[in-house]
Amino acid sequence: MDTIMQDTLLFFDQHQTVYPLYEHFQKELFTRFPESRIKVQEAQISYYNRHLYACVSFLKVKKKVDLSKDYFVLTLGLPAPLESDRVAAKTEPYPGRWTTHFVITKPSDLDKELFDWMEQAYRFAQSK
């Protein structure tokens, strides 16, 4: 087993029930963006092209009562604020870059719309 796989399994150690959902996400991500690089850290799994464009974490971006027991948070770096009910939180940490969080709880959350937003984040990171 390679190091990234070991680190990923360790990352999901306390969240094993959501790991199959993450596997589905990662498969779709690498199908669409095969040249992506991955870095597993203690608090997040980061995806890069030229720069960071997305990450997966277990941030508490909503009140605990509003969160599913099994979820992960997908964070995208976008060039503009995204207006959608699917956005759990967004901030502009510096001008022209919006950090946008989505709570992923089921496979249907990983739809074309979400991956269209991921493509925006991917292209935005690549252009910097």
C-alpha atoms as a PDB file:
ATOM      1  CA  MET A   1       0.000   0.000   0.000  1.00  0.00           C
ATOM      2  CA  ASP A   2       1.428   3.371  -0.970  1.00  0.00           C
ATOM      3  CA  THR A   3       1.981   6.233   1.479  1.00  0.00           C
ATOM      4  CA  ILE A   4      -0.872   8.412   0.159  1.00  0.00           C
ATOM      5  CA  MET A   5      -3.342   5.543   0.573  1.00  0.00           C
ATOM      6  CA  GLN A   6      -2.104   4.833   4.103  1.00  0.00           C
ATOM      7  CA  ASP A   7      -2.316   8.520   5.018  1.00  0.00           C
ATOM      8  CA  THR A   8      -5.812   8.763   3.514  1.00  0.00           C
ATOM      9  CA  LEU A   9      -7.042   5.762   5.483  1.00  0.00           C
ATOM     10  CA  LEU A  10      -5.577   7.297   8.633  1.00  0.00           C
ATOM     11  CA  PHE A  11      -7.273  10.628   7.795  1.00  0.00           C
ATOM     12  CA  PHE A  12     -10.641   8.804   7.644  1.00  0.00           C
ATOM     13  CA  ASP A  13      -9.956   6.634  10.697  1.00  0.00           C
ATOM     14  CA  GLN A  14     -12.561   8.453  12.831  1.00  0.00           C
ATOM     15  CA  HIS A  15     -14.934   8.852   9.850  1.00  0.00           C
ATOM     16  CA  GLN A  16     -14.912   5.397   8.261  1.00  0.00           C
ATOM     17  CA  THR A  17     -18.583   5.461   7.302  1.00  0.00           C
ATOM     18  CA  VAL A  18     -18.017   8.399   4.935  1.00  0.00           C
ATOM     19  CA  TYR A  19     -14.905   6.903   3.321  1.00  0.00           C
ATOM     20  CA  PRO A  20     -16.842   5.186   0.453  1.00  0.00           C
ATOM     21  CA  LEU A  21     -18.364   8.567  -0.426  1.00  0.00           C
ATOM     22  CA  TYR A  22     -14.894  10.089  -0.485  1.00  0.00           C
ATOM     23  CA  GLU A  23     -13.648   7.255  -2.733  1.00  0.00           C
ATOM     24  CA  HIS A  24     -16.471   8.047  -5.162  1.00  0.00           C
ATOM     25  CA  PHE A  25     -15.517  11.736  -5.068  1.00  0.00           C
ATOM     26  CA  GLN A  26     -11.832  11.064  -5.654  1.00  0.00           C
ATOM     27  CA  LYS A  27     -12.536   8.705  -8.553  1.00  0.00           C
ATOM     28  CA  GLU A  28     -14.639  11.397 -10.251  1.00  0.00           C
ATOM     29  CA  LEU A  29     -12.035  14.051  -9.520  1.00  0.00           C
ATOM     30  CA  PHE A  30      -9.173  12.080 -11.085  1.00  0.00           C
ATOM     31  CA  THR A  31     -11.355  11.150 -14.063  1.00  0.00           C
ATOM     32  CA  ARG A  32     -11.936  14.839 -14.755  1.00  0.00           C
ATOM     33  CA  PHE A  33      -8.595  16.226 -13.588  1.00  0.00           C
ATOM     34  CA  PRO A  34      -6.094  13.345 -14.001  1.00  0.00           C
ATOM     35  CA  GLU A  35      -3.004  15.524 -13.618  1.00  0.00           C
ATOM     36  CA  SER A  36      -4.037  16.616 -10.111  1.00  0.00           C
ATOM     37  CA  ARG A  37      -1.597  16.111  -7.284  1.00  0.00           C
ATOM     38  CA  ILE A  38      -2.791  15.092  -3.842  1.00  0.00           C
ATOM     39  CA  LYS A  39      -1.351  15.918  -0.426  1.00  0.00           C
ATOM     40  CA  VAL A  40      -2.775  14.304   2.707  1.00  0.00           C
ATOM     41  CA  GLN A  41      -2.299  16.384   5.834  1.00  0.00           C
ATOM     42  CA  GLU A  42      -3.576  16.063   9.373  1.00  0.00           C
ATOM     43  CA  ALA A  43      -6.541  18.431   8.901  1.00  0.00           C
ATOM     44  CA  GLN A  44      -7.273  18.127   5.177  1.00  0.00           C
ATOM     45  CA  ILE A  45      -6.612  16.378   1.894  1.00  0.00           C
ATOM     46  CA  SER A  46      -5.491  18.949  -0.666  1.00  0.00           C
ATOM     47  CA  TYR A  47      -5.674  18.850  -4.463  1.00  0.00           C
ATOM     48  CA  TYR A  48      -3.296  20.835  -6.627  1.00  0.00           C
ATOM     49  CA  ASN A  49      -2.610  21.561 -10.246  1.00  0.00           C
ATOM     50  CA  ARG A  50      -0.224  24.488 -10.399  1.00  0.00           C
ATOM     51  CA  HIS A  51      -1.741  25.697  -7.112  1.00  0.00           C
ATOM     52  CA  LEU A  52      -4.231  24.477  -4.533  1.00  0.00           C
ATOM     53  CA  TYR A  53      -7.747  24.345  -5.985  1.00  0.00           C
ATOM     54  CA  ALA A  54      -9.720  22.066  -3.645  1.00  0.00           C
ATOM     55  CA  CYS A  55      -9.547  20.281  -0.333  1.00  0.00           C
ATOM     56  CA  VAL A  56     -11.533  17.799   1.711  1.00  0.00           C
ATOM     57  CA  SER A  57     -11.874  18.173   5.472  1.00  0.00           C
ATOM     58  CA  PHE A  58     -14.242  17.724   8.380  1.00  0.00           C
ATOM     59  CA  LEU A  59     -14.686  21.422   9.151  1.00  0.00           C
ATOM     60  CA  LYS A  60     -17.744  22.408  11.148  1.00  0.00           C
ATOM     61  CA  VAL A  61     -19.131  24.831   8.580  1.00  0.00           C
ATOM     62  CA  LYS A  62     -22.695  24.588   9.860  1.00  0.00           C
ATOM     63  CA  LYS A  63     -24.245  24.236  13.276  1.00  0.00           C
ATOM     64  CA  LYS A  64     -23.833  20.681  14.538  1.00  0.00           C
ATOM     65  CA  VAL A  65     -27.599  20.179  14.481  1.00  0.00           C
ATOM     66  CA  ASP A  66     -27.590  21.018  10.735  1.00  0.00           C
ATOM     67  CA  LEU A  67     -24.812  18.555   9.898  1.00  0.00           C
ATOM     68  CA  SER A  68     -25.321  14.936   8.962  1.00  0.00           C
ATOM     69  CA  LYS A  69     -23.507  12.356  11.077  1.00  0.00           C
ATOM     70  CA  ASP A  70     -21.597  11.250   7.979  1.00  0.00           C
ATOM     71  CA  TYR A  71     -20.176  14.026   5.828  1.00  0.00           C
ATOM     72  CA  PHE A  72     -17.062  15.677   4.535  1.00  0.00           C
ATOM     73  CA  VAL A  73     -16.536  19.268   3.513  1.00  0.00           C
ATOM     74  CA  LEU A  74     -15.316  20.113   0.032  1.00  0.00           C
ATOM     75  CA  THR A  75     -13.631  23.505  -0.160  1.00  0.00           C
ATOM     76  CA  LEU A  76     -12.990  25.245  -3.463  1.00  0.00           C
ATOM     77  CA  GLY A  77     -11.020  28.390  -4.254  1.00  0.00           C
ATOM     78  CA  LEU A  78     -13.149  30.404  -6.684  1.00  0.00           C
ATOM     79  CA  PRO A  79     -12.635  33.785  -8.398  1.00  0.00           C
ATOM     80  CA  ALA A  80     -16.084  35.097  -7.376  1.00  0.00           C
ATOM     81  CA  PRO A  81     -18.727  34.454  -4.720  1.00  0.00           C
ATOM     82  CA  LEU A  82     -21.028  31.581  -5.578  1.00  0.00           C
ATOM     83  CA  GLU A  83     -24.727  32.075  -4.997  1.00  0.00           C
ATOM     84  CA  SER A  84     -26.280  28.686  -4.312  1.00  0.00           C
ATOM     85  CA  ASP A  85     -28.224  27.024  -1.516  1.00  0.00           C
ATOM     86  CA  ARG A  86     -25.580  24.305  -1.656  1.00  0.00           C
ATOM     87  CA  VAL A  87     -22.891  26.641  -0.312  1.00  0.00           C
ATOM     88  CA  ALA A  88     -22.444  26.039   3.415  1.00  0.00           C
ATOM     89  CA  ALA A  89     -20.081  28.981   3.935  1.00  0.00           C
ATOM     90  CA  LYS A  90     -17.932  31.352   1.902  1.00  0.00           C
ATOM     91  CA  THR A  91     -15.306  33.929   2.685  1.00  0.00           C
ATOM     92  CA  GLU A  92     -13.037  36.238   0.725  1.00  0.00           C
ATOM     93  CA  PRO A  93      -9.690  35.765   2.496  1.00  0.00           C
ATOM     94  CA  TYR A  94      -8.104  38.198   0.084  1.00  0.00           C
ATOM     95  CA  PRO A  95      -9.413  40.226  -2.861  1.00  0.00           C
ATOM     96  CA  GLY A  96     -10.498  38.148  -5.816  1.00  0.00           C
ATOM     97  CA  ARG A  97     -10.349  34.735  -4.139  1.00  0.00           C
ATOM     98  CA  TRP A  98     -13.400  33.158  -2.531  1.00  0.00           C
ATOM     99  CA  THR A  99     -13.069  30.139  -0.280  1.00  0.00           C
ATOM    100  CA  THR A 100     -16.325  28.232  -0.716  1.00  0.00           C
ATOM    101  CA  HIS A 101     -17.395  25.246   1.412  1.00  0.00           C
ATOM    102  CA  PHE A 102     -19.869  22.485   0.504  1.00  0.00           C
ATOM    103  CA  VAL A 103     -21.102  19.766   2.848  1.00  0.00           C
ATOM    104  CA  ILE A 104     -21.073  16.416   1.040  1.00  0.00           C
ATOM    105  CA  THR A 105     -23.337  13.764   2.592  1.00  0.00           C
ATOM    106  CA  LYS A 106     -24.433  11.476  -0.256  1.00  0.00           C
ATOM    107  CA  PRO A 107     -23.382  10.453  -3.769  1.00  0.00           C
ATOM    108  CA  SER A 108     -26.005  12.683  -5.385  1.00  0.00           C
ATOM    109  CA  ASP A 109     -24.163  15.712  -3.915  1.00  0.00           C
ATOM    110  CA  LEU A 110     -21.330  14.834  -6.312  1.00  0.00           C
ATOM    111  CA  ASP A 111     -23.238  15.888  -9.401  1.00  0.00           C
ATOM    112  CA  LYS A 112     -22.403  17.750 -12.615  1.00  0.00           C
ATOM    113  CA  GLU A 113     -23.080  21.151 -11.031  1.00  0.00           C
ATOM    114  CA  LEU A 114     -20.555  20.536  -8.251  1.00  0.00           C
ATOM    115  CA  PHE A 115     -17.915  19.324 -10.693  1.00  0.00           C
ATOM    116  CA  ASP A 116     -18.579  22.353 -12.921  1.00  0.00           C
ATOM    117  CA  TRP A 117     -17.711  24.516  -9.899  1.00  0.00           C
ATOM    118  CA  MET A 118     -14.652  22.340  -9.315  1.00  0.00           C
ATOM    119  CA  GLU A 119     -13.594  22.978 -12.888  1.00  0.00           C
ATOM    120  CA  GLN A 120     -13.886  26.729 -12.247  1.00  0.00           C
ATOM    121  CA  ALA A 121     -11.657  26.319  -9.190  1.00  0.00           C
ATOM    122  CA  TYR A 122      -9.231  24.146 -11.137  1.00  0.00           C
ATOM    123  CA  ARG A 123      -8.914  26.689 -13.969  1.00  0.00           C
ATOM    124  CA  PHE A 124      -8.677  29.593 -11.493  1.00  0.00           C
ATOM    125  CA  ALA A 125      -5.772  27.930  -9.644  1.00  0.00           C
ATOM    126  CA  GLN A 126      -4.073  27.070 -12.918  1.00  0.00           C
ATOM    127  CA  SER A 127      -4.252  30.691 -14.097  1.00  0.00           C
ATOM    128  CA  LYS A 128      -2.503  32.151 -11.050  1.00  0.00           C
END
